[in-house]
Amino acid sequence: LVCAYCGTESPYELKDGGEAIEHDLVAALKAIPQTARGWQDDRRP
């Protein structure tokens, strides 16, 4: 992460590692839970 104004590199620790989860397609098409929906932030669509 680099500041667009002063060029300072931020000491922000990004998430790394872990595996990408493959989800069962048939089960997902039947029922997608509300907990997996929405951005849950203040981003503006």
ModelCIF file with pLDDT and N, C-alpha, C, O atoms, coordinates in Angstrom:
data_MODEL
#
_entry.id   MODEL 
#
_entity.id                         1 
_entity.type                       polymer 
_entity.pdbx_number_of_molecules   1 
#
_entity_poly.entity_id                      1 
_entity_poly.type                           'polypeptide(L)' 
_entity_poly.nstd_linkage                   no 
_entity_poly.nstd_monomer                   no 
_entity_poly.pdbx_seq_one_letter_code       LVCAYCGTESPYELKDGGEAIEHDLVAALKAIPQTARGWQDDRRP 
_entity_poly.pdbx_seq_one_letter_code_can   LVCAYCGTESPYELKDGGEAIEHDLVAALKAIPQTARGWQDDRRP 
_entity_poly.pdbx_strand_id                 A 
#
loop_
_entity_poly_seq.entity_id 
_entity_poly_seq.num 
_entity_poly_seq.mon_id 
_entity_poly_seq.hetero 
1 1  LEU n 
1 2  VAL n 
1 3  CYS n 
1 4  ALA n 
1 5  TYR n 
1 6  CYS n 
1 7  GLY n 
1 8  THR n 
1 9  GLU n 
1 10 SER n 
1 11 PRO n 
1 12 TYR n 
1 13 GLU n 
1 14 LEU n 
1 15 LYS n 
1 16 ASP n 
1 17 GLY n 
1 18 GLY n 
1 19 GLU n 
1 20 ALA n 
1 21 ILE n 
1 22 GLU n 
1 23 HIS n 
1 24 ASP n 
1 25 LEU n 
1 26 VAL n 
1 27 ALA n 
1 28 ALA n 
1 29 LEU n 
1 30 LYS n 
1 31 ALA n 
1 32 ILE n 
1 33 PRO n 
1 34 GLN n 
1 35 THR n 
1 36 ALA n 
1 37 ARG n 
1 38 GLY n 
1 39 TRP n 
1 40 GLN n 
1 41 ASP n 
1 42 ASP n 
1 43 ARG n 
1 44 ARG n 
1 45 PRO n 
#
_struct_asym.id          A 
_struct_asym.entity_id   1 
#
loop_
_ma_qa_metric.id 
_ma_qa_metric.mode 
_ma_qa_metric.name 
_ma_qa_metric.software_group_id 
_ma_qa_metric.type 
1 global pLDDT . pLDDT 
2 local  pLDDT . pLDDT 
#
_ma_qa_metric_global.metric_id      1 
_ma_qa_metric_global.metric_value   62.38 
_ma_qa_metric_global.model_id       1 
_ma_qa_metric_global.ordinal_id     1 
#
loop_
_ma_qa_metric_local.label_asym_id 
_ma_qa_metric_local.label_comp_id 
_ma_qa_metric_local.label_seq_id 
_ma_qa_metric_local.metric_id 
_ma_qa_metric_local.metric_value 
_ma_qa_metric_local.model_id 
_ma_qa_metric_local.ordinal_id 
A LEU 1  2 74.00 1 1  
A VAL 2  2 75.00 1 2  
A CYS 3  2 72.00 1 3  
A ALA 4  2 64.00 1 4  
A TYR 5  2 64.00 1 5  
A CYS 6  2 66.00 1 6  
A GLY 7  2 68.00 1 7  
A THR 8  2 71.00 1 8  
A GLU 9  2 72.00 1 9  
A SER 10 2 67.00 1 10 
A PRO 11 2 59.00 1 11 
A TYR 12 2 60.00 1 12 
A GLU 13 2 62.00 1 13 
A LEU 14 2 62.00 1 14 
A LYS 15 2 62.00 1 15 
A ASP 16 2 61.00 1 16 
A GLY 17 2 54.00 1 17 
A GLY 18 2 53.00 1 18 
A GLU 19 2 62.00 1 19 
A ALA 20 2 69.00 1 20 
A ILE 21 2 75.00 1 21 
A GLU 22 2 81.00 1 22 
A HIS 23 2 80.00 1 23 
A ASP 24 2 77.00 1 24 
A LEU 25 2 79.00 1 25 
A VAL 26 2 75.00 1 26 
A ALA 27 2 77.00 1 27 
A ALA 28 2 74.00 1 28 
A LEU 29 2 69.00 1 29 
A LYS 30 2 64.00 1 30 
A ALA 31 2 60.00 1 31 
A ILE 32 2 57.00 1 32 
A PRO 33 2 52.00 1 33 
A GLN 34 2 48.00 1 34 
A THR 35 2 49.00 1 35 
A ALA 36 2 47.00 1 36 
A ARG 37 2 48.00 1 37 
A GLY 38 2 45.00 1 38 
A TRP 39 2 42.00 1 39 
A GLN 40 2 42.00 1 40 
A ASP 41 2 47.00 1 41 
A ASP 42 2 50.00 1 42 
A ARG 43 2 53.00 1 43 
A ARG 44 2 58.00 1 44 
A PRO 45 2 61.00 1 45 
#
loop_
_atom_site.group_PDB 
_atom_site.id 
_atom_site.type_symbol 
_atom_site.label_atom_id 
_atom_site.label_alt_id 
_atom_site.label_comp_id 
_atom_site.label_asym_id 
_atom_site.label_entity_id 
_atom_site.label_seq_id 
_atom_site.pdbx_PDB_ins_code 
_atom_site.Cartn_x 
_atom_site.Cartn_y 
_atom_site.Cartn_z 
_atom_site.occupancy 
_atom_site.B_iso_or_equiv 
_atom_site.pdbx_formal_charge 
_atom_site.auth_seq_id 
_atom_site.auth_comp_id 
_atom_site.auth_asym_id 
_atom_site.auth_atom_id 
_atom_site.pdbx_PDB_model_num 
ATOM 1   N N  . LEU A 1 1  ? 0.851   -1.187  0.000  1.00 74.00 ? 1  LEU A N  1 
ATOM 2   C CA . LEU A 1 1  ? 0.000   0.000   0.000  1.00 74.00 ? 1  LEU A CA 1 
ATOM 3   C C  . LEU A 1 1  ? 0.887   1.238   0.000  1.00 74.00 ? 1  LEU A C  1 
ATOM 4   O O  . LEU A 1 1  ? 1.769   1.386   0.846  1.00 74.00 ? 1  LEU A O  1 
ATOM 5   N N  . VAL A 1 2  ? 0.640   2.128   -0.964 1.00 75.00 ? 2  VAL A N  1 
ATOM 6   C CA . VAL A 1 2  ? 1.454   3.332   -1.110 1.00 75.00 ? 2  VAL A CA 1 
ATOM 7   C C  . VAL A 1 2  ? 0.534   4.549   -1.166 1.00 75.00 ? 2  VAL A C  1 
ATOM 8   O O  . VAL A 1 2  ? -0.475  4.538   -1.871 1.00 75.00 ? 2  VAL A O  1 
ATOM 9   N N  . CYS A 1 3  ? 0.886   5.599   -0.421 1.00 72.00 ? 3  CYS A N  1 
ATOM 10  C CA . CYS A 1 3  ? 0.082   6.820   -0.406 1.00 72.00 ? 3  CYS A CA 1 
ATOM 11  C C  . CYS A 1 3  ? 0.175   7.506   -1.762 1.00 72.00 ? 3  CYS A C  1 
ATOM 12  O O  . CYS A 1 3  ? 1.268   7.691   -2.296 1.00 72.00 ? 3  CYS A O  1 
ATOM 13  N N  . ALA A 1 4  ? -0.971  7.883   -2.317 1.00 64.00 ? 4  ALA A N  1 
ATOM 14  C CA . ALA A 1 4  ? -0.994  8.542   -3.619 1.00 64.00 ? 4  ALA A CA 1 
ATOM 15  C C  . ALA A 1 4  ? -0.520  9.991   -3.529 1.00 64.00 ? 4  ALA A C  1 
ATOM 16  O O  . ALA A 1 4  ? -0.269  10.622  -4.556 1.00 64.00 ? 4  ALA A O  1 
ATOM 17  N N  . TYR A 1 5  ? -0.395  10.524  -2.313 1.00 64.00 ? 5  TYR A N  1 
ATOM 18  C CA . TYR A 1 5  ? -0.031  11.931  -2.143 1.00 64.00 ? 5  TYR A CA 1 
ATOM 19  C C  . TYR A 1 5  ? 1.427   12.115  -1.726 1.00 64.00 ? 5  TYR A C  1 
ATOM 20  O O  . TYR A 1 5  ? 2.133   12.938  -2.307 1.00 64.00 ? 5  TYR A O  1 
ATOM 21  N N  . CYS A 1 6  ? 1.886   11.358  -0.723 1.00 66.00 ? 6  CYS A N  1 
ATOM 22  C CA . CYS A 1 6  ? 3.251   11.568  -0.230 1.00 66.00 ? 6  CYS A CA 1 
ATOM 23  C C  . CYS A 1 6  ? 4.177   10.397  -0.521 1.00 66.00 ? 6  CYS A C  1 
ATOM 24  O O  . CYS A 1 6  ? 5.379   10.486  -0.274 1.00 66.00 ? 6  CYS A O  1 
ATOM 25  N N  . GLY A 1 7  ? 3.632   9.291   -1.048 1.00 68.00 ? 7  GLY A N  1 
ATOM 26  C CA . GLY A 1 7  ? 4.469   8.161   -1.426 1.00 68.00 ? 7  GLY A CA 1 
ATOM 27  C C  . GLY A 1 7  ? 4.852   7.233   -0.291 1.00 68.00 ? 7  GLY A C  1 
ATOM 28  O O  . GLY A 1 7  ? 5.620   6.295   -0.501 1.00 68.00 ? 7  GLY A O  1 
ATOM 29  N N  . THR A 1 8  ? 4.336   7.470   0.904  1.00 71.00 ? 8  THR A N  1 
ATOM 30  C CA . THR A 1 8  ? 4.670   6.622   2.050  1.00 71.00 ? 8  THR A CA 1 
ATOM 31  C C  . THR A 1 8  ? 4.082   5.232   1.885  1.00 71.00 ? 8  THR A C  1 
ATOM 32  O O  . THR A 1 8  ? 2.912   5.086   1.531  1.00 71.00 ? 8  THR A O  1 
ATOM 33  N N  . GLU A 1 9  ? 4.890   4.212   2.140  1.00 72.00 ? 9  GLU A N  1 
ATOM 34  C CA . GLU A 1 9  ? 4.390   2.837   2.142  1.00 72.00 ? 9  GLU A CA 1 
ATOM 35  C C  . GLU A 1 9  ? 3.774   2.537   3.498  1.00 72.00 ? 9  GLU A C  1 
ATOM 36  O O  . GLU A 1 9  ? 4.391   2.764   4.538  1.00 72.00 ? 9  GLU A O  1 
ATOM 37  N N  . SER A 1 10 ? 2.559   2.029   3.476  1.00 67.00 ? 10 SER A N  1 
ATOM 38  C CA . SER A 1 10 ? 1.823   1.812   4.720  1.00 67.00 ? 10 SER A CA 1 
ATOM 39  C C  . SER A 1 10 ? 2.168   0.451   5.322  1.00 67.00 ? 10 SER A C  1 
ATOM 40  O O  . SER A 1 10 ? 2.267   -0.543  4.603  1.00 67.00 ? 10 SER A O  1 
ATOM 41  N N  . PRO A 1 11 ? 2.346   0.410   6.615  1.00 59.00 ? 11 PRO A N  1 
ATOM 42  C CA . PRO A 1 11 ? 2.620   -0.871  7.279  1.00 59.00 ? 11 PRO A CA 1 
ATOM 43  C C  . PRO A 1 11 ? 1.353   -1.654  7.514  1.00 59.00 ? 11 PRO A C  1 
ATOM 44  O O  . PRO A 1 11 ? 1.067   -2.060  8.641  1.00 59.00 ? 11 PRO A O  1 
ATOM 45  N N  . TYR A 1 12 ? 0.590   -1.869  6.458  1.00 60.00 ? 12 TYR A N  1 
ATOM 46  C CA . TYR A 1 12 ? -0.683  -2.601  6.561  1.00 60.00 ? 12 TYR A CA 1 
ATOM 47  C C  . TYR A 1 12 ? -0.421  -4.061  6.232  1.00 60.00 ? 12 TYR A C  1 
ATOM 48  O O  . TYR A 1 12 ? 0.156   -4.371  5.190  1.00 60.00 ? 12 TYR A O  1 
ATOM 49  N N  . GLU A 1 13 ? -0.834  -4.942  7.099  1.00 62.00 ? 13 GLU A N  1 
ATOM 50  C CA . GLU A 1 13 ? -0.576  -6.364  6.903  1.00 62.00 ? 13 GLU A CA 1 
ATOM 51  C C  . GLU A 1 13 ? -1.734  -6.989  6.123  1.00 62.00 ? 13 GLU A C  1 
ATOM 52  O O  . GLU A 1 13 ? -2.843  -7.128  6.637  1.00 62.00 ? 13 GLU A O  1 
ATOM 53  N N  . LEU A 1 14 ? -1.452  -7.359  4.875  1.00 62.00 ? 14 LEU A N  1 
ATOM 54  C CA . LEU A 1 14 ? -2.472  -7.965  4.028  1.00 62.00 ? 14 LEU A CA 1 
ATOM 55  C C  . LEU A 1 14 ? -2.663  -9.424  4.381  1.00 62.00 ? 14 LEU A C  1 
ATOM 56  O O  . LEU A 1 14 ? -1.735  -10.100 4.825  1.00 62.00 ? 14 LEU A O  1 
ATOM 57  N N  . LYS A 1 15 ? -3.875  -9.896  4.178  1.00 62.00 ? 15 LYS A N  1 
ATOM 58  C CA . LYS A 1 15 ? -4.148  -11.302 4.405  1.00 62.00 ? 15 LYS A CA 1 
ATOM 59  C C  . LYS A 1 15 ? -3.427  -12.138 3.360  1.00 62.00 ? 15 LYS A C  1 
ATOM 60  O O  . LYS A 1 15 ? -3.400  -11.780 2.183  1.00 62.00 ? 15 LYS A O  1 
ATOM 61  N N  . ASP A 1 16 ? -2.856  -13.228 3.778  1.00 61.00 ? 16 ASP A N  1 
ATOM 62  C CA . ASP A 1 16 ? -2.165  -14.108 2.845  1.00 61.00 ? 16 ASP A CA 1 
ATOM 63  C C  . ASP A 1 16 ? -2.360  -15.536 3.317  1.00 61.00 ? 16 ASP A C  1 
ATOM 64  O O  . ASP A 1 16 ? -2.796  -15.793 4.440  1.00 61.00 ? 16 ASP A O  1 
ATOM 65  N N  . GLY A 1 17 ? -2.025  -16.450 2.430  1.00 54.00 ? 17 GLY A N  1 
ATOM 66  C CA . GLY A 1 17 ? -2.162  -17.851 2.790  1.00 54.00 ? 17 GLY A CA 1 
ATOM 67  C C  . GLY A 1 17 ? -3.598  -18.305 2.742  1.00 54.00 ? 17 GLY A C  1 
ATOM 68  O O  . GLY A 1 17 ? -4.488  -17.564 2.324  1.00 54.00 ? 17 GLY A O  1 
ATOM 69  N N  . GLY A 1 18 ? -3.816  -19.534 3.175  1.00 53.00 ? 18 GLY A N  1 
ATOM 70  C CA . GLY A 1 18 ? -5.150  -20.098 3.118  1.00 53.00 ? 18 GLY A CA 1 
ATOM 71  C C  . GLY A 1 18 ? -5.482  -20.588 1.727  1.00 53.00 ? 18 GLY A C  1 
ATOM 72  O O  . GLY A 1 18 ? -4.776  -20.266 0.772  1.00 53.00 ? 18 GLY A O  1 
ATOM 73  N N  . GLU A 1 19 ? -6.525  -21.347 1.599  1.00 62.00 ? 19 GLU A N  1 
ATOM 74  C CA . GLU A 1 19 ? -6.911  -21.901 0.319  1.00 62.00 ? 19 GLU A CA 1 
ATOM 75  C C  . GLU A 1 19 ? -8.231  -21.325 -0.141 1.00 62.00 ? 19 GLU A C  1 
ATOM 76  O O  . GLU A 1 19 ? -9.111  -21.028 0.666  1.00 62.00 ? 19 GLU A O  1 
ATOM 77  N N  . ALA A 1 20 ? -8.358  -21.169 -1.453 1.00 69.00 ? 20 ALA A N  1 
ATOM 78  C CA . ALA A 1 20 ? -9.623  -20.747 -2.031 1.00 69.00 ? 20 ALA A CA 1 
ATOM 79  C C  . ALA A 1 20 ? -10.616 -21.892 -1.901 1.00 69.00 ? 20 ALA A C  1 
ATOM 80  O O  . ALA A 1 20 ? -10.319 -23.024 -2.285 1.00 69.00 ? 20 ALA A O  1 
ATOM 81  N N  . ILE A 1 21 ? -11.780 -21.601 -1.367 1.00 75.00 ? 21 ILE A N  1 
ATOM 82  C CA . ILE A 1 21 ? -12.766 -22.647 -1.089 1.00 75.00 ? 21 ILE A CA 1 
ATOM 83  C C  . ILE A 1 21 ? -13.642 -22.884 -2.307 1.00 75.00 ? 21 ILE A C  1 
ATOM 84  O O  . ILE A 1 21 ? -14.195 -21.944 -2.878 1.00 75.00 ? 21 ILE A O  1 
ATOM 85  N N  . GLU A 1 22 ? -13.765 -24.137 -2.699 1.00 81.00 ? 22 GLU A N  1 
ATOM 86  C CA . GLU A 1 22 ? -14.682 -24.525 -3.761 1.00 81.00 ? 22 GLU A CA 1 
ATOM 87  C C  . GLU A 1 22 ? -16.019 -24.891 -3.120 1.00 81.00 ? 22 GLU A C  1 
ATOM 88  O O  . GLU A 1 22 ? -16.072 -25.748 -2.237 1.00 81.00 ? 22 GLU A O  1 
ATOM 89  N N  . HIS A 1 23 ? -17.106 -24.240 -3.566 1.00 80.00 ? 23 HIS A N  1 
ATOM 90  C CA . HIS A 1 23 ? -18.422 -24.466 -2.978 1.00 80.00 ? 23 HIS A CA 1 
ATOM 91  C C  . HIS A 1 23 ? -19.258 -25.381 -3.860 1.00 80.00 ? 23 HIS A C  1 
ATOM 92  O O  . HIS A 1 23 ? -19.190 -25.317 -5.087 1.00 80.00 ? 23 HIS A O  1 
ATOM 93  N N  . ASP A 1 24 ? -20.036 -26.221 -3.226 1.00 77.00 ? 24 ASP A N  1 
ATOM 94  C CA . ASP A 1 24 ? -20.895 -27.145 -3.956 1.00 77.00 ? 24 ASP A CA 1 
ATOM 95  C C  . ASP A 1 24 ? -21.922 -26.361 -4.765 1.00 77.00 ? 24 ASP A C  1 
ATOM 96  O O  . ASP A 1 24 ? -22.698 -25.585 -4.209 1.00 77.00 ? 24 ASP A O  1 
ATOM 97  N N  . LEU A 1 25 ? -21.922 -26.570 -6.086 1.00 79.00 ? 25 LEU A N  1 
ATOM 98  C CA . LEU A 1 25 ? -22.775 -25.777 -6.968 1.00 79.00 ? 25 LEU A CA 1 
ATOM 99  C C  . LEU A 1 25 ? -24.246 -26.132 -6.802 1.00 79.00 ? 25 LEU A C  1 
ATOM 100 O O  . LEU A 1 25 ? -25.090 -25.239 -6.730 1.00 79.00 ? 25 LEU A O  1 
ATOM 101 N N  . VAL A 1 26 ? -24.562 -27.411 -6.740 1.00 75.00 ? 26 VAL A N  1 
ATOM 102 C CA . VAL A 1 26 ? -25.954 -27.836 -6.645 1.00 75.00 ? 26 VAL A CA 1 
ATOM 103 C C  . VAL A 1 26 ? -26.584 -27.297 -5.365 1.00 75.00 ? 26 VAL A C  1 
ATOM 104 O O  . VAL A 1 26 ? -27.703 -26.783 -5.385 1.00 75.00 ? 26 VAL A O  1 
ATOM 105 N N  . ALA A 1 27 ? -25.854 -27.417 -4.244 1.00 77.00 ? 27 ALA A N  1 
ATOM 106 C CA . ALA A 1 27 ? -26.383 -26.915 -2.973 1.00 77.00 ? 27 ALA A CA 1 
ATOM 107 C C  . ALA A 1 27 ? -26.560 -25.404 -3.009 1.00 77.00 ? 27 ALA A C  1 
ATOM 108 O O  . ALA A 1 27 ? -27.527 -24.872 -2.464 1.00 77.00 ? 27 ALA A O  1 
ATOM 109 N N  . ALA A 1 28 ? -25.622 -24.717 -3.654 1.00 74.00 ? 28 ALA A N  1 
ATOM 110 C CA . ALA A 1 28 ? -25.699 -23.257 -3.715 1.00 74.00 ? 28 ALA A CA 1 
ATOM 111 C C  . ALA A 1 28 ? -26.881 -22.792 -4.531 1.00 74.00 ? 28 ALA A C  1 
ATOM 112 O O  . ALA A 1 28 ? -27.539 -21.815 -4.174 1.00 74.00 ? 28 ALA A O  1 
ATOM 113 N N  . LEU A 1 29 ? -27.159 -23.481 -5.627 1.00 69.00 ? 29 LEU A N  1 
ATOM 114 C CA . LEU A 1 29 ? -28.286 -23.091 -6.463 1.00 69.00 ? 29 LEU A CA 1 
ATOM 115 C C  . LEU A 1 29 ? -29.614 -23.308 -5.753 1.00 69.00 ? 29 LEU A C  1 
ATOM 116 O O  . LEU A 1 29 ? -30.604 -22.641 -6.055 1.00 69.00 ? 29 LEU A O  1 
ATOM 117 N N  . LYS A 1 30 ? -29.631 -24.236 -4.815 1.00 64.00 ? 30 LYS A N  1 
ATOM 118 C CA . LYS A 1 30 ? -30.864 -24.484 -4.066 1.00 64.00 ? 30 LYS A CA 1 
ATOM 119 C C  . LYS A 1 30 ? -31.103 -23.434 -2.998 1.00 64.00 ? 30 LYS A C  1 
ATOM 120 O O  . LYS A 1 30 ? -32.234 -22.992 -2.793 1.00 64.00 ? 30 LYS A O  1 
ATOM 121 N N  . ALA A 1 31 ? -30.039 -23.034 -2.317 1.00 60.00 ? 31 ALA A N  1 
ATOM 122 C CA . ALA A 1 31 ? -30.225 -22.091 -1.205 1.00 60.00 ? 31 ALA A CA 1 
ATOM 123 C C  . ALA A 1 31 ? -28.928 -21.348 -0.947 1.00 60.00 ? 31 ALA A C  1 
ATOM 124 O O  . ALA A 1 31 ? -27.941 -21.940 -0.509 1.00 60.00 ? 31 ALA A O  1 
ATOM 125 N N  . ILE A 1 32 ? -28.928 -20.046 -1.219 1.00 57.00 ? 32 ILE A N  1 
ATOM 126 C CA . ILE A 1 32 ? -27.783 -19.196 -0.916 1.00 57.00 ? 32 ILE A CA 1 
ATOM 127 C C  . ILE A 1 32 ? -28.123 -18.402 0.336  1.00 57.00 ? 32 ILE A C  1 
ATOM 128 O O  . ILE A 1 32 ? -29.063 -17.607 0.312  1.00 57.00 ? 32 ILE A O  1 
ATOM 129 N N  . PRO A 1 33 ? -27.387 -18.592 1.429  1.00 52.00 ? 33 PRO A N  1 
ATOM 130 C CA . PRO A 1 33 ? -27.757 -17.940 2.693  1.00 52.00 ? 33 PRO A CA 1 
ATOM 131 C C  . PRO A 1 33 ? -27.584 -16.437 2.636  1.00 52.00 ? 33 PRO A C  1 
ATOM 132 O O  . PRO A 1 33 ? -26.736 -15.922 1.907  1.00 52.00 ? 33 PRO A O  1 
ATOM 133 N N  . GLN A 1 34 ? -28.402 -15.736 3.420  1.00 48.00 ? 34 GLN A N  1 
ATOM 134 C CA . GLN A 1 34 ? -28.312 -14.279 3.487  1.00 48.00 ? 34 GLN A CA 1 
ATOM 135 C C  . GLN A 1 34 ? -26.963 -13.813 4.030  1.00 48.00 ? 34 GLN A C  1 
ATOM 136 O O  . GLN A 1 34 ? -26.531 -12.702 3.722  1.00 48.00 ? 34 GLN A O  1 
ATOM 137 N N  . THR A 1 35 ? -26.287 -14.646 4.836  1.00 49.00 ? 35 THR A N  1 
ATOM 138 C CA . THR A 1 35 ? -24.987 -14.260 5.388  1.00 49.00 ? 35 THR A CA 1 
ATOM 139 C C  . THR A 1 35 ? -23.932 -14.157 4.312  1.00 49.00 ? 35 THR A C  1 
ATOM 140 O O  . THR A 1 35 ? -22.864 -13.594 4.551  1.00 49.00 ? 35 THR A O  1 
ATOM 141 N N  . ALA A 1 36 ? -24.207 -14.694 3.116  1.00 47.00 ? 36 ALA A N  1 
ATOM 142 C CA . ALA A 1 36 ? -23.234 -14.631 2.027  1.00 47.00 ? 36 ALA A CA 1 
ATOM 143 C C  . ALA A 1 36 ? -23.581 -13.538 1.025  1.00 47.00 ? 36 ALA A C  1 
ATOM 144 O O  . ALA A 1 36 ? -22.984 -13.456 -0.049 1.00 47.00 ? 36 ALA A O  1 
ATOM 145 N N  . ARG A 1 37 ? -24.550 -12.698 1.382  1.00 48.00 ? 37 ARG A N  1 
ATOM 146 C CA . ARG A 1 37 ? -25.032 -11.697 0.428  1.00 48.00 ? 37 ARG A CA 1 
ATOM 147 C C  . ARG A 1 37 ? -24.668 -10.294 0.903  1.00 48.00 ? 37 ARG A C  1 
ATOM 148 O O  . ARG A 1 37 ? -24.412 -10.059 2.084  1.00 48.00 ? 37 ARG A O  1 
ATOM 149 N N  . GLY A 1 38 ? -24.655 -9.367  -0.063 1.00 45.00 ? 38 GLY A N  1 
ATOM 150 C CA . GLY A 1 38 ? -24.420 -7.964  0.261  1.00 45.00 ? 38 GLY A CA 1 
ATOM 151 C C  . GLY A 1 38 ? -22.951 -7.644  0.479  1.00 45.00 ? 38 GLY A C  1 
ATOM 152 O O  . GLY A 1 38 ? -22.162 -8.520  0.833  1.00 45.00 ? 38 GLY A O  1 
ATOM 153 N N  . TRP A 1 39 ? -22.584 -6.374  0.264  1.00 42.00 ? 39 TRP A N  1 
ATOM 154 C CA . TRP A 1 39 ? -21.188 -5.959  0.433  1.00 42.00 ? 39 TRP A CA 1 
ATOM 155 C C  . TRP A 1 39 ? -20.837 -5.751  1.896  1.00 42.00 ? 39 TRP A C  1 
ATOM 156 O O  . TRP A 1 39 ? -19.674 -5.887  2.276  1.00 42.00 ? 39 TRP A O  1 
ATOM 157 N N  . GLN A 1 40 ? -21.838 -5.420  2.735  1.00 42.00 ? 40 GLN A N  1 
ATOM 158 C CA . GLN A 1 40 ? -21.630 -5.168  4.156  1.00 42.00 ? 40 GLN A CA 1 
ATOM 159 C C  . GLN A 1 40 ? -20.553 -4.115  4.391  1.00 42.00 ? 40 GLN A C  1 
ATOM 160 O O  . GLN A 1 40 ? -19.689 -4.288  5.250  1.00 42.00 ? 40 GLN A O  1 
ATOM 161 N N  . ASP A 1 41 ? -20.602 -3.045  3.643  1.00 47.00 ? 41 ASP A N  1 
ATOM 162 C CA . ASP A 1 41 ? -19.725 -1.905  3.853  1.00 47.00 ? 41 ASP A CA 1 
ATOM 163 C C  . ASP A 1 41 ? -20.399 -0.682  3.264  1.00 47.00 ? 41 ASP A C  1 
ATOM 164 O O  . ASP A 1 41 ? -21.546 -0.746  2.822  1.00 47.00 ? 41 ASP A O  1 
ATOM 165 N N  . ASP A 1 42 ? -19.671 0.450   3.259  1.00 50.00 ? 42 ASP A N  1 
ATOM 166 C CA . ASP A 1 42 ? -20.280 1.684   2.774  1.00 50.00 ? 42 ASP A CA 1 
ATOM 167 C C  . ASP A 1 42 ? -19.869 2.006   1.351  1.00 50.00 ? 42 ASP A C  1 
ATOM 168 O O  . ASP A 1 42 ? -19.944 3.163   0.937  1.00 50.00 ? 42 ASP A O  1 
ATOM 169 N N  . ARG A 1 43 ? -19.439 1.015   0.595  1.00 53.00 ? 43 ARG A N  1 
ATOM 170 C CA . ARG A 1 43 ? -19.105 1.272   -0.801 1.00 53.00 ? 43 ARG A CA 1 
ATOM 171 C C  . ARG A 1 43 ? -20.367 1.672   -1.560 1.00 53.00 ? 43 ARG A C  1 
ATOM 172 O O  . ARG A 1 43 ? -21.464 1.225   -1.225 1.00 53.00 ? 43 ARG A O  1 
ATOM 173 N N  . ARG A 1 44 ? -20.212 2.510   -2.578 1.00 58.00 ? 44 ARG A N  1 
ATOM 174 C CA . ARG A 1 44 ? -21.346 3.139   -3.256 1.00 58.00 ? 44 ARG A CA 1 
ATOM 175 C C  . ARG A 1 44 ? -21.533 2.537   -4.644 1.00 58.00 ? 44 ARG A C  1 
ATOM 176 O O  . ARG A 1 44 ? -20.723 2.812   -5.529 1.00 58.00 ? 44 ARG A O  1 
ATOM 177 N N  . PRO A 1 45 ? -22.576 1.718   -4.875 1.00 61.00 ? 45 PRO A N  1 
ATOM 178 C CA . PRO A 1 45 ? -22.817 1.170   -6.207 1.00 61.00 ? 45 PRO A CA 1 
ATOM 179 C C  . PRO A 1 45 ? -23.523 2.174   -7.104 1.00 61.00 ? 45 PRO A C  1 
ATOM 180 O O  . PRO A 1 45 ? -23.804 1.874   -8.265 1.00 61.00 ? 45 PRO A O  1 
#
